[in-house]
Amino acid sequence: MTRSPAQLFCLVFGVVLVAAGVLGFFVEASFDVQENVPRETLILFDVNGWHNVVHLASGAILLAVAGSYAGARSVAIGFGAVYAVITIVGFIAGNDGTILSLIPINTEDNILHILITVAAIGAGLATPAHPTPTTTTTATA
């Protein structure tokens, strides 16, 4: 079975985000808020308990729709739009800032969010609204 670009995006990024969420809990699992927002780095990216939950939830949503042609397309475009907003908010918060006084964010996160935005919207738009009909031939006796 051939997957659409949106389905591939949802599958690949869903797995990566779930993995990042799980691994993030090994690095920093605190759920402190406000000025006490903890931040530890997973590779280059700031994480804490809230950030890990966001990764797990985002990945789960993507994986849930990866099998649906239309669902994957809609979610990929919507996911890209949400990440565009997150990117803007992240750049406003600045390096070592937070989103909603919960989620630590750094420049590397913001750059990754730009890439996710482009990949999500690109995959969604590269997937036609309706799949190309397949033709099957049947043998006649």
C-alpha atoms as a PDB file:
ATOM      1  CA  MET A   1       0.000   0.000   0.000  1.00  0.00           C
ATOM      2  CA  THR A   2       1.327   3.404  -0.968  1.00  0.00           C
ATOM      3  CA  ARG A   3       1.131   6.129   1.663  1.00  0.00           C
ATOM      4  CA  SER A   4       0.495   9.758   0.866  1.00  0.00           C
ATOM      5  CA  PRO A   5       3.050  12.420   1.844  1.00  0.00           C
ATOM      6  CA  ALA A   6       0.758  13.452   4.724  1.00  0.00           C
ATOM      7  CA  GLN A   7       0.489   9.873   5.966  1.00  0.00           C
ATOM      8  CA  LEU A   8       4.275   9.496   5.863  1.00  0.00           C
ATOM      9  CA  PHE A   9       4.689  12.774   7.736  1.00  0.00           C
ATOM     10  CA  CYS A  10       2.204  11.664  10.412  1.00  0.00           C
ATOM     11  CA  LEU A  11       3.853   8.270  10.778  1.00  0.00           C
ATOM     12  CA  VAL A  12       7.475   9.479  10.916  1.00  0.00           C
ATOM     13  CA  PHE A  13       6.909  12.579  13.039  1.00  0.00           C
ATOM     14  CA  GLY A  14       4.451  10.700  15.260  1.00  0.00           C
ATOM     15  CA  VAL A  15       7.095   8.097  16.099  1.00  0.00           C
ATOM     16  CA  VAL A  16       9.780  10.766  16.605  1.00  0.00           C
ATOM     17  CA  LEU A  17       7.602  12.899  18.888  1.00  0.00           C
ATOM     18  CA  VAL A  18       6.498   9.938  21.012  1.00  0.00           C
ATOM     19  CA  ALA A  19      10.142   8.868  21.331  1.00  0.00           C
ATOM     20  CA  ALA A  20      11.160  12.438  22.268  1.00  0.00           C
ATOM     21  CA  GLY A  21       8.418  12.539  24.895  1.00  0.00           C
ATOM     22  CA  VAL A  22       9.472   9.254  26.464  1.00  0.00           C
ATOM     23  CA  LEU A  23      13.203  10.044  26.354  1.00  0.00           C
ATOM     24  CA  GLY A  24      12.523  13.531  27.696  1.00  0.00           C
ATOM     25  CA  PHE A  25      11.183  12.079  30.952  1.00  0.00           C
ATOM     26  CA  PHE A  26      14.574  10.459  31.538  1.00  0.00           C
ATOM     27  CA  VAL A  27      16.195  13.894  31.222  1.00  0.00           C
ATOM     28  CA  GLU A  28      13.677  16.114  33.077  1.00  0.00           C
ATOM     29  CA  ALA A  29      10.304  15.050  34.460  1.00  0.00           C
ATOM     30  CA  SER A  30       9.414  18.044  36.667  1.00  0.00           C
ATOM     31  CA  PHE A  31       6.122  19.866  36.201  1.00  0.00           C
ATOM     32  CA  ASP A  32       7.068  23.104  37.973  1.00  0.00           C
ATOM     33  CA  VAL A  33       5.639  26.317  36.512  1.00  0.00           C
ATOM     34  CA  GLN A  34       6.166  30.073  36.298  1.00  0.00           C
ATOM     35  CA  GLU A  35       9.679  31.241  37.196  1.00  0.00           C
ATOM     36  CA  ASN A  36      10.520  27.751  38.499  1.00  0.00           C
ATOM     37  CA  VAL A  37      10.156  26.092  35.088  1.00  0.00           C
ATOM     38  CA  PRO A  38      12.948  23.548  35.010  1.00  0.00           C
ATOM     39  CA  ARG A  39      14.887  23.067  31.840  1.00  0.00           C
ATOM     40  CA  GLU A  40      17.244  20.328  30.934  1.00  0.00           C
ATOM     41  CA  THR A  41      18.504  19.619  27.468  1.00  0.00           C
ATOM     42  CA  LEU A  42      17.681  16.550  25.398  1.00  0.00           C
ATOM     43  CA  ILE A  43      20.342  16.717  22.696  1.00  0.00           C
ATOM     44  CA  LEU A  44      19.956  20.472  21.923  1.00  0.00           C
ATOM     45  CA  PHE A  45      16.360  21.027  22.968  1.00  0.00           C
ATOM     46  CA  ASP A  46      14.931  22.226  26.285  1.00  0.00           C
ATOM     47  CA  VAL A  47      12.536  19.770  27.910  1.00  0.00           C
ATOM     48  CA  ASN A  48      10.548  19.361  31.116  1.00  0.00           C
ATOM     49  CA  GLY A  49       7.523  17.326  32.151  1.00  0.00           C
ATOM     50  CA  TRP A  50       5.042  19.586  30.335  1.00  0.00           C
ATOM     51  CA  HIS A  51       7.130  19.652  27.171  1.00  0.00           C
ATOM     52  CA  ASN A  52       7.333  15.853  27.268  1.00  0.00           C
ATOM     53  CA  VAL A  53       3.554  15.550  27.608  1.00  0.00           C
ATOM     54  CA  VAL A  54       3.107  17.847  24.591  1.00  0.00           C
ATOM     55  CA  HIS A  55       5.477  15.646  22.580  1.00  0.00           C
ATOM     56  CA  LEU A  56       3.623  12.483  23.620  1.00  0.00           C
ATOM     57  CA  ALA A  57       0.190  13.954  22.842  1.00  0.00           C
ATOM     58  CA  SER A  58       1.314  15.424  19.504  1.00  0.00           C
ATOM     59  CA  GLY A  59       2.928  12.169  18.474  1.00  0.00           C
ATOM     60  CA  ALA A  60      -0.123  10.156  19.508  1.00  0.00           C
ATOM     61  CA  ILE A  61      -2.418  12.381  17.436  1.00  0.00           C
ATOM     62  CA  LEU A  62      -0.175  12.019  14.388  1.00  0.00           C
ATOM     63  CA  LEU A  63       0.032   8.249  14.784  1.00  0.00           C
ATOM     64  CA  ALA A  64      -3.740   7.999  15.249  1.00  0.00           C
ATOM     65  CA  VAL A  65      -4.397   9.552  11.829  1.00  0.00           C
ATOM     66  CA  ALA A  66      -1.440   8.107   9.912  1.00  0.00           C
ATOM     67  CA  GLY A  67      -3.618   5.342   8.466  1.00  0.00           C
ATOM     68  CA  SER A  68      -6.267   7.704   7.114  1.00  0.00           C
ATOM     69  CA  TYR A  69      -5.635   9.459   3.812  1.00  0.00           C
ATOM     70  CA  ALA A  70      -7.998  12.392   4.435  1.00  0.00           C
ATOM     71  CA  GLY A  71      -7.344  12.504   8.179  1.00  0.00           C
ATOM     72  CA  ALA A  72      -3.580  12.637   7.728  1.00  0.00           C
ATOM     73  CA  ARG A  73      -3.891  15.453   5.185  1.00  0.00           C
ATOM     74  CA  SER A  74      -6.131  17.567   7.417  1.00  0.00           C
ATOM     75  CA  VAL A  75      -4.103  16.939  10.555  1.00  0.00           C
ATOM     76  CA  ALA A  76      -0.785  17.622   8.804  1.00  0.00           C
ATOM     77  CA  ILE A  77      -2.000  21.025   7.604  1.00  0.00           C
ATOM     78  CA  GLY A  78      -3.565  21.835  10.977  1.00  0.00           C
ATOM     79  CA  PHE A  79      -0.483  20.593  12.824  1.00  0.00           C
ATOM     80  CA  GLY A  80       1.678  22.853  10.656  1.00  0.00           C
ATOM     81  CA  ALA A  81      -0.561  25.829  11.411  1.00  0.00           C
ATOM     82  CA  VAL A  82      -0.380  25.165  15.163  1.00  0.00           C
ATOM     83  CA  TYR A  83       3.401  24.792  14.997  1.00  0.00           C
ATOM     84  CA  ALA A  84       3.623  28.084  13.070  1.00  0.00           C
ATOM     85  CA  VAL A  85       1.895  29.795  16.006  1.00  0.00           C
ATOM     86  CA  ILE A  86       4.132  27.968  18.488  1.00  0.00           C
ATOM     87  CA  THR A  87       7.178  29.120  16.513  1.00  0.00           C
ATOM     88  CA  ILE A  88       6.055  32.754  16.618  1.00  0.00           C
ATOM     89  CA  VAL A  89       5.299  32.559  20.341  1.00  0.00           C
ATOM     90  CA  GLY A  90       8.655  30.872  20.897  1.00  0.00           C
ATOM     91  CA  PHE A  91      10.582  33.601  19.105  1.00  0.00           C
ATOM     92  CA  ILE A  92       8.688  36.247  21.082  1.00  0.00           C
ATOM     93  CA  ALA A  93       9.578  34.406  24.326  1.00  0.00           C
ATOM     94  CA  GLY A  94      13.213  34.410  23.251  1.00  0.00           C
ATOM     95  CA  ASN A  95      16.056  32.038  23.985  1.00  0.00           C
ATOM     96  CA  ASP A  96      15.575  30.385  27.374  1.00  0.00           C
ATOM     97  CA  GLY A  97      11.976  31.612  27.503  1.00  0.00           C
ATOM     98  CA  THR A  98       8.776  29.688  28.157  1.00  0.00           C
ATOM     99  CA  ILE A  99       5.458  29.124  26.465  1.00  0.00           C
ATOM    100  CA  LEU A 100       2.504  29.746  28.810  1.00  0.00           C
ATOM    101  CA  SER A 101       4.953  29.752  31.743  1.00  0.00           C
ATOM    102  CA  LEU A 102       5.006  25.957  31.431  1.00  0.00           C
ATOM    103  CA  ILE A 103       7.131  24.826  28.521  1.00  0.00           C
ATOM    104  CA  PRO A 104      10.789  25.814  28.272  1.00  0.00           C
ATOM    105  CA  ILE A 105      11.906  26.915  24.823  1.00  0.00           C
ATOM    106  CA  ASN A 106      15.237  27.801  23.304  1.00  0.00           C
ATOM    107  CA  THR A 107      16.487  28.927  19.901  1.00  0.00           C
ATOM    108  CA  GLU A 108      17.098  25.351  18.813  1.00  0.00           C
ATOM    109  CA  ASP A 109      13.466  24.495  19.628  1.00  0.00           C
ATOM    110  CA  ASN A 110      12.295  27.447  17.547  1.00  0.00           C
ATOM    111  CA  ILE A 111      14.391  26.399  14.560  1.00  0.00           C
ATOM    112  CA  LEU A 112      13.081  22.833  14.842  1.00  0.00           C
ATOM    113  CA  HIS A 113       9.527  24.184  15.026  1.00  0.00           C
ATOM    114  CA  ILE A 114      10.063  26.112  11.777  1.00  0.00           C
ATOM    115  CA  LEU A 115      11.216  22.895  10.093  1.00  0.00           C
ATOM    116  CA  ILE A 116       8.247  20.949  11.490  1.00  0.00           C
ATOM    117  CA  THR A 117       5.889  23.691  10.277  1.00  0.00           C
ATOM    118  CA  VAL A 118       7.291  23.557   6.752  1.00  0.00           C
ATOM    119  CA  ALA A 119       7.328  19.736   6.678  1.00  0.00           C
ATOM    120  CA  ALA A 120       3.764  19.429   8.005  1.00  0.00           C
ATOM    121  CA  ILE A 121       2.203  22.010   5.708  1.00  0.00           C
ATOM    122  CA  GLY A 122       4.289  20.792   2.774  1.00  0.00           C
ATOM    123  CA  ALA A 123       3.225  17.169   3.310  1.00  0.00           C
ATOM    124  CA  GLY A 124      -0.400  18.202   3.716  1.00  0.00           C
ATOM    125  CA  LEU A 125      -0.416  20.331   0.577  1.00  0.00           C
ATOM    126  CA  ALA A 126       1.517  17.683  -1.394  1.00  0.00           C
ATOM    127  CA  THR A 127      -1.332  15.278  -0.673  1.00  0.00           C
ATOM    128  CA  PRO A 128      -4.267  15.854  -3.045  1.00  0.00           C
ATOM    129  CA  ALA A 129      -7.643  16.322  -1.370  1.00  0.00           C
ATOM    130  CA  HIS A 130      -8.807  13.028  -2.881  1.00  0.00           C
ATOM    131  CA  PRO A 131      -6.623  10.017  -3.598  1.00  0.00           C
ATOM    132  CA  THR A 132      -5.954   9.148  -7.199  1.00  0.00           C
ATOM    133  CA  PRO A 133      -8.343   6.397  -8.229  1.00  0.00           C
ATOM    134  CA  THR A 134      -6.680   3.102  -8.875  1.00  0.00           C
ATOM    135  CA  THR A 135      -7.738   0.933 -11.730  1.00  0.00           C
ATOM    136  CA  THR A 136      -7.848  -2.776 -11.370  1.00  0.00           C
ATOM    137  CA  THR A 137      -8.202  -5.254 -14.086  1.00  0.00           C
ATOM    138  CA  THR A 138     -10.092  -8.436 -13.655  1.00  0.00           C
ATOM    139  CA  ALA A 139      -9.444 -11.563 -15.587  1.00  0.00           C
ATOM    140  CA  THR A 140     -12.354 -12.829 -17.597  1.00  0.00           C
ATOM    141  CA  ALA A 141     -12.908 -16.474 -18.270  1.00  0.00           C
END
